[in-house]
Structures are given as C-alpha cells and as structure tokens.
Amino acid sequence: MSETDMSKIVYHSRILENMGCTVVVFTPEELRGANPYHVQDRLIELGWEVIEDIAEDIETERLAPPTDEDWNWAIK
C-alpha cells in the first residue's frame, strides 16, 4: 500500500471520527491474509458488546459520559 493510499485512509477516517463515528482500519498487510469481511463481522459483534458495557456504565453512573474535549482529542 502506498503512502498516498494510507494518507487517503487516514483523511477519510478523521472525517468520520469528527462526525462522532468510531473507525477501525486494518491494512491488507495487517490482515495477513485474513478475510476482511470475516474480520469486519467479528469486530462489529465485539463492538456492540463494548458499546453495551460502556452505555450500561454511563446509565448507572459508574462511568462519566465523555466531555466535548474527550470527543475532539484527535483534532488537536
């Protein structure tokens, strides 16, 4: 993967992050032959578990919700 391709990936990922989305990217090299669709499906399953755990903690006040500064850490 060329530097230009990676810079495009980072650029578009940052746009989505700035919109409040979570973005996870694995390059073909990082996947090491693993089927990207299988990895994606598994990450979605695990992501929902993490979201549920965090949301439950926020709802029960065991974890404070993120501040605007927390959300915008990547912009700095």
C-alpha atoms as a PDB file:
ATOM      1  CA  MET A   1       0.000   0.000   0.000  1.00  0.00           C
ATOM      2  CA  SER A   2       1.456   3.329  -0.986  1.00  0.00           C
ATOM      3  CA  GLU A   3       1.847   6.330   1.313  1.00  0.00           C
ATOM      4  CA  THR A   4      -0.761   8.139  -0.798  1.00  0.00           C
ATOM      5  CA  ASP A   5      -3.306   5.374  -0.212  1.00  0.00           C
ATOM      6  CA  MET A   6      -2.653   5.431   3.530  1.00  0.00           C
ATOM      7  CA  SER A   7      -2.982   9.206   3.663  1.00  0.00           C
ATOM      8  CA  LYS A   8      -6.384   8.897   1.968  1.00  0.00           C
ATOM      9  CA  ILE A   9      -7.465   6.281   4.507  1.00  0.00           C
ATOM     10  CA  VAL A  10      -6.373   8.499   7.403  1.00  0.00           C
ATOM     11  CA  TYR A  11      -8.028  11.570   5.854  1.00  0.00           C
ATOM     12  CA  HIS A  12     -11.405   9.877   5.410  1.00  0.00           C
ATOM     13  CA  SER A  13     -11.188   8.158   8.806  1.00  0.00           C
ATOM     14  CA  ARG A  14     -10.630  11.520  10.510  1.00  0.00           C
ATOM     15  CA  ILE A  15     -13.702  12.984   8.788  1.00  0.00           C
ATOM     16  CA  LEU A  16     -15.840  10.145  10.135  1.00  0.00           C
ATOM     17  CA  GLU A  17     -14.291  10.427  13.604  1.00  0.00           C
ATOM     18  CA  ASN A  18     -15.006  14.161  13.643  1.00  0.00           C
ATOM     19  CA  MET A  19     -18.645  13.283  12.928  1.00  0.00           C
ATOM     20  CA  GLY A  20     -18.667  11.142  16.090  1.00  0.00           C
ATOM     21  CA  CYS A  21     -18.137   7.759  14.425  1.00  0.00           C
ATOM     22  CA  THR A  22     -15.730   5.075  15.525  1.00  0.00           C
ATOM     23  CA  VAL A  23     -13.371   3.975  12.787  1.00  0.00           C
ATOM     24  CA  VAL A  24     -11.123   0.926  12.778  1.00  0.00           C
ATOM     25  CA  VAL A  25      -8.938   0.193   9.757  1.00  0.00           C
ATOM     26  CA  PHE A  26      -6.637  -2.724   9.094  1.00  0.00           C
ATOM     27  CA  THR A  27      -4.466  -2.592   6.006  1.00  0.00           C
ATOM     28  CA  PRO A  28      -4.030  -5.691   3.826  1.00  0.00           C
ATOM     29  CA  GLU A  29      -0.611  -6.140   5.390  1.00  0.00           C
ATOM     30  CA  GLU A  30      -2.078  -6.037   8.881  1.00  0.00           C
ATOM     31  CA  LEU A  31      -4.774  -8.539   7.912  1.00  0.00           C
ATOM     32  CA  ARG A  32      -2.061 -11.002   6.838  1.00  0.00           C
ATOM     33  CA  GLY A  33      -4.419 -12.882   4.541  1.00  0.00           C
ATOM     34  CA  ALA A  34      -7.439 -12.913   6.866  1.00  0.00           C
ATOM     35  CA  ASN A  35     -10.703 -12.355   5.043  1.00  0.00           C
ATOM     36  CA  PRO A  36     -11.523  -8.665   5.663  1.00  0.00           C
ATOM     37  CA  TYR A  37     -15.266  -9.379   5.704  1.00  0.00           C
ATOM     38  CA  HIS A  38     -14.857 -12.004   8.429  1.00  0.00           C
ATOM     39  CA  VAL A  39     -12.714  -9.610  10.480  1.00  0.00           C
ATOM     40  CA  GLN A  40     -15.249  -6.817   9.947  1.00  0.00           C
ATOM     41  CA  ASP A  41     -18.183  -9.000  11.019  1.00  0.00           C
ATOM     42  CA  ARG A  42     -16.375 -10.132  14.166  1.00  0.00           C
ATOM     43  CA  LEU A  43     -15.338  -6.579  15.070  1.00  0.00           C
ATOM     44  CA  ILE A  44     -18.954  -5.455  14.708  1.00  0.00           C
ATOM     45  CA  GLU A  45     -20.083  -8.196  17.108  1.00  0.00           C
ATOM     46  CA  LEU A  46     -17.388  -7.282  19.639  1.00  0.00           C
ATOM     47  CA  GLY A  47     -18.068  -3.570  19.154  1.00  0.00           C
ATOM     48  CA  TRP A  48     -21.719  -3.980  20.138  1.00  0.00           C
ATOM     49  CA  GLU A  49     -20.636  -5.755  23.326  1.00  0.00           C
ATOM     50  CA  VAL A  50     -18.264  -2.906  24.196  1.00  0.00           C
ATOM     51  CA  ILE A  51     -20.917  -0.282  23.414  1.00  0.00           C
ATOM     52  CA  GLU A  52     -23.455  -2.065  25.632  1.00  0.00           C
ATOM     53  CA  ASP A  53     -20.956  -2.306  28.502  1.00  0.00           C
ATOM     54  CA  ILE A  54     -19.999   1.367  28.270  1.00  0.00           C
ATOM     55  CA  ALA A  55     -23.606   2.528  27.860  1.00  0.00           C
ATOM     56  CA  GLU A  56     -24.622   0.499  30.907  1.00  0.00           C
ATOM     57  CA  ASP A  57     -21.792   2.041  32.920  1.00  0.00           C
ATOM     58  CA  ILE A  58     -22.862   5.538  31.864  1.00  0.00           C
ATOM     59  CA  GLU A  59     -26.517   4.800  32.678  1.00  0.00           C
ATOM     60  CA  THR A  60     -25.604   3.510  36.133  1.00  0.00           C
ATOM     61  CA  GLU A  61     -23.213   6.432  36.662  1.00  0.00           C
ATOM     62  CA  ARG A  62     -20.204   4.163  37.063  1.00  0.00           C
ATOM     63  CA  LEU A  63     -18.606   5.952  34.154  1.00  0.00           C
ATOM     64  CA  ALA A  64     -18.959   9.620  33.296  1.00  0.00           C
ATOM     65  CA  PRO A  65     -20.037  10.364  29.730  1.00  0.00           C
ATOM     66  CA  PRO A  66     -17.312  11.817  27.510  1.00  0.00           C
ATOM     67  CA  THR A  67     -16.781  15.556  27.525  1.00  0.00           C
ATOM     68  CA  ASP A  68     -16.526  17.600  24.331  1.00  0.00           C
ATOM     69  CA  GLU A  69     -12.767  17.612  24.863  1.00  0.00           C
ATOM     70  CA  ASP A  70     -12.744  13.794  25.004  1.00  0.00           C
ATOM     71  CA  TRP A  71     -14.652  13.607  21.722  1.00  0.00           C
ATOM     72  CA  ASN A  72     -12.346  16.064  19.999  1.00  0.00           C
ATOM     73  CA  TRP A  73      -8.963  14.747  21.159  1.00  0.00           C
ATOM     74  CA  ALA A  74      -7.982  13.686  17.626  1.00  0.00           C
ATOM     75  CA  ILE A  75      -8.497  17.178  16.229  1.00  0.00           C
ATOM     76  CA  LYS A  76      -5.724  18.714  18.318  1.00  0.00           C
END
